[in-house]
């Protein structure tokens, strides 16, 4: 009896670890693919960066992404629940939820990285303003992409909390 309980607990622990690894891999790979494609294109076409500069920048951001992208996925799940947003919500509500999640999560990280890189408070403020504009454009498409990627790999999308949240029909 004691051995069966131990084996059952061990199986549960192993299952939890496997699920955590899968969720990490799914969220991180989606974010790396999206961010490197979208922001790399922006660095080339808008920023005028050379391909070698883009590769170095994307490599550096990818290394940081390996640390922050899964925590962002978990934060977005909680943010969606907090704001009671789901698949039945209006486009405006989904947009506001995804944009605000990106700003609330990534602005402090960006500020810290810019500060450590030696940026002045004025430079950080200007860069944050630019970043907020960028997130306003890319936040919802990224949320949509992350949910589709999760669904493709059998991980529940953030907006699929139908059984936990009554469908919210917004007038907006």
C-alpha atoms as a PDB file:
ATOM      1  CA  UNK A   1       0.000   0.000   0.000  1.00  0.00           C
ATOM      2  CA  UNK A   2       2.792   2.397   0.949  1.00  0.00           C
ATOM      3  CA  UNK A   3       4.710   1.561  -2.248  1.00  0.00           C
ATOM      4  CA  UNK A   4       1.629   2.286  -4.410  1.00  0.00           C
ATOM      5  CA  UNK A   5       1.223   5.706  -2.774  1.00  0.00           C
ATOM      6  CA  UNK A   6       4.882   6.495  -3.381  1.00  0.00           C
ATOM      7  CA  UNK A   7       4.661   5.380  -7.025  1.00  0.00           C
ATOM      8  CA  UNK A   8       1.486   7.430  -7.498  1.00  0.00           C
ATOM      9  CA  UNK A   9       3.117  10.548  -6.062  1.00  0.00           C
ATOM     10  CA  UNK A  10       6.228  10.000  -8.156  1.00  0.00           C
ATOM     11  CA  UNK A  11       4.118   9.612 -11.318  1.00  0.00           C
ATOM     12  CA  UNK A  12       2.302  12.851 -10.478  1.00  0.00           C
ATOM     13  CA  UNK A  13       5.604  14.705  -9.968  1.00  0.00           C
ATOM     14  CA  UNK A  14       6.992  13.368 -13.259  1.00  0.00           C
ATOM     15  CA  UNK A  15       3.767  14.393 -15.051  1.00  0.00           C
ATOM     16  CA  UNK A  16       3.977  17.889 -13.593  1.00  0.00           C
ATOM     17  CA  UNK A  17       7.597  18.252 -14.673  1.00  0.00           C
ATOM     18  CA  UNK A  18       6.829  17.010 -18.206  1.00  0.00           C
ATOM     19  CA  UNK A  19       3.912  19.452 -18.454  1.00  0.00           C
ATOM     20  CA  UNK A  20       6.094  22.313 -17.249  1.00  0.00           C
ATOM     21  CA  UNK A  21       8.805  21.501 -19.783  1.00  0.00           C
ATOM     22  CA  UNK A  22       6.233  21.268 -22.583  1.00  0.00           C
ATOM     23  CA  UNK A  23       4.648  24.597 -21.597  1.00  0.00           C
ATOM     24  CA  UNK A  24       8.090  26.231 -21.415  1.00  0.00           C
ATOM     25  CA  UNK A  25       9.045  24.874 -24.845  1.00  0.00           C
ATOM     26  CA  UNK A  26       5.741  25.904 -26.462  1.00  0.00           C
ATOM     27  CA  UNK A  27       5.615  29.456 -25.051  1.00  0.00           C
ATOM     28  CA  UNK A  28       9.315  30.098 -25.585  1.00  0.00           C
ATOM     29  CA  UNK A  29       9.419  28.769 -29.152  1.00  0.00           C
ATOM     30  CA  UNK A  30       6.307  30.776 -30.115  1.00  0.00           C
ATOM     31  CA  UNK A  31       7.772  33.945 -28.646  1.00  0.00           C
ATOM     32  CA  UNK A  32      11.180  33.449 -30.228  1.00  0.00           C
ATOM     33  CA  UNK A  33       9.643  32.828 -33.640  1.00  0.00           C
ATOM     34  CA  UNK A  34       7.285  35.809 -33.409  1.00  0.00           C
ATOM     35  CA  UNK A  35       9.697  38.300 -31.853  1.00  0.00           C
ATOM     36  CA  UNK A  36      12.656  37.481 -34.067  1.00  0.00           C
ATOM     37  CA  UNK A  37      10.532  37.671 -37.222  1.00  0.00           C
ATOM     38  CA  UNK A  38       8.603  40.849 -36.389  1.00  0.00           C
ATOM     39  CA  UNK A  39      11.310  42.798 -34.599  1.00  0.00           C
ATOM     40  CA  UNK A  40      14.082  41.605 -36.929  1.00  0.00           C
ATOM     41  CA  UNK A  41      12.054  42.910 -39.877  1.00  0.00           C
ATOM     42  CA  UNK A  42      11.546  46.197 -38.048  1.00  0.00           C
ATOM     43  CA  UNK A  43      15.249  46.496 -37.308  1.00  0.00           C
ATOM     44  CA  UNK A  44      16.005  45.970 -40.992  1.00  0.00           C
ATOM     45  CA  UNK A  45      13.259  47.941 -42.735  1.00  0.00           C
ATOM     46  CA  UNK A  46      12.619  50.702 -40.188  1.00  0.00           C
ATOM     47  CA  UNK A  47      15.844  50.847 -38.195  1.00  0.00           C
ATOM     48  CA  UNK A  48      18.142  50.377 -41.196  1.00  0.00           C
ATOM     49  CA  UNK A  49      20.336  47.908 -39.323  1.00  0.00           C
ATOM     50  CA  UNK A  50      22.749  45.710 -41.208  1.00  0.00           C
ATOM     51  CA  UNK A  51      22.057  41.939 -41.244  1.00  0.00           C
ATOM     52  CA  UNK A  52      25.037  41.244 -38.952  1.00  0.00           C
ATOM     53  CA  UNK A  53      23.762  43.802 -36.419  1.00  0.00           C
ATOM     54  CA  UNK A  54      20.313  42.259 -36.555  1.00  0.00           C
ATOM     55  CA  UNK A  55      21.712  38.775 -35.962  1.00  0.00           C
ATOM     56  CA  UNK A  56      23.648  40.000 -32.907  1.00  0.00           C
ATOM     57  CA  UNK A  57      20.638  41.885 -31.547  1.00  0.00           C
ATOM     58  CA  UNK A  58      18.268  38.977 -32.131  1.00  0.00           C
ATOM     59  CA  UNK A  59      20.742  36.554 -30.510  1.00  0.00           C
ATOM     60  CA  UNK A  60      21.000  38.747 -27.421  1.00  0.00           C
ATOM     61  CA  UNK A  61      17.242  39.182 -27.200  1.00  0.00           C
ATOM     62  CA  UNK A  62      16.736  35.441 -27.744  1.00  0.00           C
ATOM     63  CA  UNK A  63      18.991  34.662 -24.782  1.00  0.00           C
ATOM     64  CA  UNK A  64      16.943  37.029 -22.624  1.00  0.00           C
ATOM     65  CA  UNK A  65      13.791  35.495 -24.093  1.00  0.00           C
ATOM     66  CA  UNK A  66      14.810  32.040 -22.889  1.00  0.00           C
ATOM     67  CA  UNK A  67      14.425  33.437 -19.377  1.00  0.00           C
ATOM     68  CA  UNK A  68      11.351  35.682 -19.717  1.00  0.00           C
ATOM     69  CA  UNK A  69       9.022  34.223 -22.366  1.00  0.00           C
ATOM     70  CA  UNK A  70       7.493  31.401 -20.300  1.00  0.00           C
ATOM     71  CA  UNK A  71       6.973  33.677 -17.280  1.00  0.00           C
ATOM     72  CA  UNK A  72       5.237  36.081 -19.663  1.00  0.00           C
ATOM     73  CA  UNK A  73       2.987  33.257 -20.881  1.00  0.00           C
ATOM     74  CA  UNK A  74       2.026  32.478 -17.282  1.00  0.00           C
ATOM     75  CA  UNK A  75       1.523  36.178 -16.553  1.00  0.00           C
ATOM     76  CA  UNK A  76      -0.702  36.544 -19.618  1.00  0.00           C
ATOM     77  CA  UNK A  77      -2.810  33.570 -18.476  1.00  0.00           C
ATOM     78  CA  UNK A  78      -3.323  35.267 -15.087  1.00  0.00           C
ATOM     79  CA  UNK A  79      -3.910  38.693 -16.703  1.00  0.00           C
ATOM     80  CA  UNK A  80      -6.580  37.261 -19.006  1.00  0.00           C
ATOM     81  CA  UNK A  81      -8.344  35.715 -16.001  1.00  0.00           C
ATOM     82  CA  UNK A  82      -8.028  38.910 -13.958  1.00  0.00           C
ATOM     83  CA  UNK A  83      -9.536  41.000 -16.767  1.00  0.00           C
ATOM     84  CA  UNK A  84     -12.132  38.275 -17.486  1.00  0.00           C
ATOM     85  CA  UNK A  85     -11.240  38.118 -21.166  1.00  0.00           C
ATOM     86  CA  UNK A  86     -11.951  35.033 -23.276  1.00  0.00           C
ATOM     87  CA  UNK A  87     -12.775  33.926 -26.830  1.00  0.00           C
ATOM     88  CA  UNK A  88     -16.267  35.410 -26.541  1.00  0.00           C
ATOM     89  CA  UNK A  89     -14.952  38.843 -25.613  1.00  0.00           C
ATOM     90  CA  UNK A  90     -14.992  41.706 -28.087  1.00  0.00           C
ATOM     91  CA  UNK A  91     -12.018  42.415 -30.337  1.00  0.00           C
ATOM     92  CA  UNK A  92     -11.442  45.646 -28.409  1.00  0.00           C
ATOM     93  CA  UNK A  93     -11.317  43.805 -25.066  1.00  0.00           C
ATOM     94  CA  UNK A  94      -8.870  41.201 -26.434  1.00  0.00           C
ATOM     95  CA  UNK A  95      -6.739  44.008 -27.908  1.00  0.00           C
ATOM     96  CA  UNK A  96      -6.684  45.943 -24.618  1.00  0.00           C
ATOM     97  CA  UNK A  97      -5.906  42.793 -22.622  1.00  0.00           C
ATOM     98  CA  UNK A  98      -2.968  41.741 -24.815  1.00  0.00           C
ATOM     99  CA  UNK A  99      -1.487  45.230 -25.177  1.00  0.00           C
ATOM    100  CA  UNK A 100      -1.718  45.951 -21.450  1.00  0.00           C
ATOM    101  CA  UNK A 101      -0.247  42.533 -20.557  1.00  0.00           C
ATOM    102  CA  UNK A 102       2.792  43.257 -22.738  1.00  0.00           C
ATOM    103  CA  UNK A 103       3.291  46.742 -21.309  1.00  0.00           C
ATOM    104  CA  UNK A 104       2.851  45.736 -17.662  1.00  0.00           C
ATOM    105  CA  UNK A 105       5.181  42.740 -18.001  1.00  0.00           C
ATOM    106  CA  UNK A 106       7.908  43.936 -20.383  1.00  0.00           C
ATOM    107  CA  UNK A 107       8.274  47.676 -19.574  1.00  0.00           C
ATOM    108  CA  UNK A 108      10.028  47.070 -16.230  1.00  0.00           C
ATOM    109  CA  UNK A 109      12.319  44.464 -17.802  1.00  0.00           C
ATOM    110  CA  UNK A 110      13.215  46.792 -20.675  1.00  0.00           C
ATOM    111  CA  UNK A 111      13.803  49.663 -18.251  1.00  0.00           C
ATOM    112  CA  UNK A 112      16.201  47.533 -16.215  1.00  0.00           C
ATOM    113  CA  UNK A 113      18.099  46.319 -19.265  1.00  0.00           C
ATOM    114  CA  UNK A 114      18.385  49.861 -20.668  1.00  0.00           C
ATOM    115  CA  UNK A 115      19.566  51.175 -17.299  1.00  0.00           C
ATOM    116  CA  UNK A 116      22.206  48.440 -17.023  1.00  0.00           C
ATOM    117  CA  UNK A 117      23.297  49.238 -20.583  1.00  0.00           C
ATOM    118  CA  UNK A 118      23.981  52.826 -19.483  1.00  0.00           C
ATOM    119  CA  UNK A 119      20.985  54.631 -20.980  1.00  0.00           C
ATOM    120  CA  UNK A 120      20.059  57.942 -19.374  1.00  0.00           C
ATOM    121  CA  UNK A 121      16.605  58.476 -17.863  1.00  0.00           C
ATOM    122  CA  UNK A 122      15.679  60.654 -20.873  1.00  0.00           C
ATOM    123  CA  UNK A 123      16.795  57.934 -23.291  1.00  0.00           C
ATOM    124  CA  UNK A 124      14.898  55.292 -21.337  1.00  0.00           C
ATOM    125  CA  UNK A 125      11.756  57.452 -21.347  1.00  0.00           C
ATOM    126  CA  UNK A 126      11.971  58.029 -25.104  1.00  0.00           C
ATOM    127  CA  UNK A 127      12.632  54.358 -25.764  1.00  0.00           C
ATOM    128  CA  UNK A 128       9.748  53.281 -23.545  1.00  0.00           C
ATOM    129  CA  UNK A 129       7.406  55.607 -25.436  1.00  0.00           C
ATOM    130  CA  UNK A 130       8.530  54.052 -28.699  1.00  0.00           C
ATOM    131  CA  UNK A 131       8.180  50.571 -27.198  1.00  0.00           C
ATOM    132  CA  UNK A 132       4.620  51.282 -26.049  1.00  0.00           C
ATOM    133  CA  UNK A 133       3.730  52.389 -29.574  1.00  0.00           C
ATOM    134  CA  UNK A 134       5.270  49.198 -30.964  1.00  0.00           C
ATOM    135  CA  UNK A 135       3.424  47.006 -28.445  1.00  0.00           C
ATOM    136  CA  UNK A 136       0.176  48.770 -29.305  1.00  0.00           C
ATOM    137  CA  UNK A 137       0.666  47.547 -32.868  1.00  0.00           C
ATOM    138  CA  UNK A 138       2.113  44.092 -32.132  1.00  0.00           C
ATOM    139  CA  UNK A 139       0.519  43.117 -28.786  1.00  0.00           C
ATOM    140  CA  UNK A 140      -2.744  41.623 -30.043  1.00  0.00           C
ATOM    141  CA  UNK A 141      -1.230  39.841 -33.066  1.00  0.00           C
ATOM    142  CA  UNK A 142       1.314  38.309 -30.691  1.00  0.00           C
ATOM    143  CA  UNK A 143      -1.428  37.160 -28.292  1.00  0.00           C
ATOM    144  CA  UNK A 144      -3.357  35.665 -31.195  1.00  0.00           C
ATOM    145  CA  UNK A 145      -0.209  33.897 -32.470  1.00  0.00           C
ATOM    146  CA  UNK A 146       0.697  32.563 -29.008  1.00  0.00           C
ATOM    147  CA  UNK A 147      -2.792  31.120 -28.534  1.00  0.00           C
ATOM    148  CA  UNK A 148      -2.737  29.437 -31.977  1.00  0.00           C
ATOM    149  CA  UNK A 149       0.749  28.038 -31.317  1.00  0.00           C
ATOM    150  CA  UNK A 150      -0.352  26.670 -27.940  1.00  0.00           C
ATOM    151  CA  UNK A 151      -3.432  25.049 -29.466  1.00  0.00           C
ATOM    152  CA  UNK A 152      -1.316  23.460 -32.207  1.00  0.00           C
ATOM    153  CA  UNK A 153       0.881  21.785 -29.564  1.00  0.00           C
ATOM    154  CA  UNK A 154      -1.937  20.772 -27.218  1.00  0.00           C
ATOM    155  CA  UNK A 155      -1.485  23.515 -24.614  1.00  0.00           C
ATOM    156  CA  UNK A 156      -4.564  25.440 -23.538  1.00  0.00           C
ATOM    157  CA  UNK A 157      -4.632  28.961 -25.020  1.00  0.00           C
ATOM    158  CA  UNK A 158      -5.013  31.842 -22.554  1.00  0.00           C
ATOM    159  CA  UNK A 159      -8.355  32.916 -24.021  1.00  0.00           C
ATOM    160  CA  UNK A 160      -9.826  29.404 -23.777  1.00  0.00           C
ATOM    161  CA  UNK A 161     -10.904  29.633 -20.153  1.00  0.00           C
ATOM    162  CA  UNK A 162     -14.558  29.260 -21.190  1.00  0.00           C
ATOM    163  CA  UNK A 163     -15.429  26.812 -18.428  1.00  0.00           C
ATOM    164  CA  UNK A 164     -13.927  29.126 -15.784  1.00  0.00           C
ATOM    165  CA  UNK A 165     -15.276  32.429 -17.051  1.00  0.00           C
ATOM    166  CA  UNK A 166     -18.731  33.007 -18.408  1.00  0.00           C
ATOM    167  CA  UNK A 167     -18.542  34.287 -21.959  1.00  0.00           C
ATOM    168  CA  UNK A 168     -18.336  38.040 -21.824  1.00  0.00           C
ATOM    169  CA  UNK A 169     -20.165  39.841 -24.572  1.00  0.00           C
ATOM    170  CA  UNK A 170     -18.982  43.423 -24.836  1.00  0.00           C
ATOM    171  CA  UNK A 171     -20.863  46.133 -26.599  1.00  0.00           C
ATOM    172  CA  UNK A 172     -17.567  47.675 -27.753  1.00  0.00           C
END
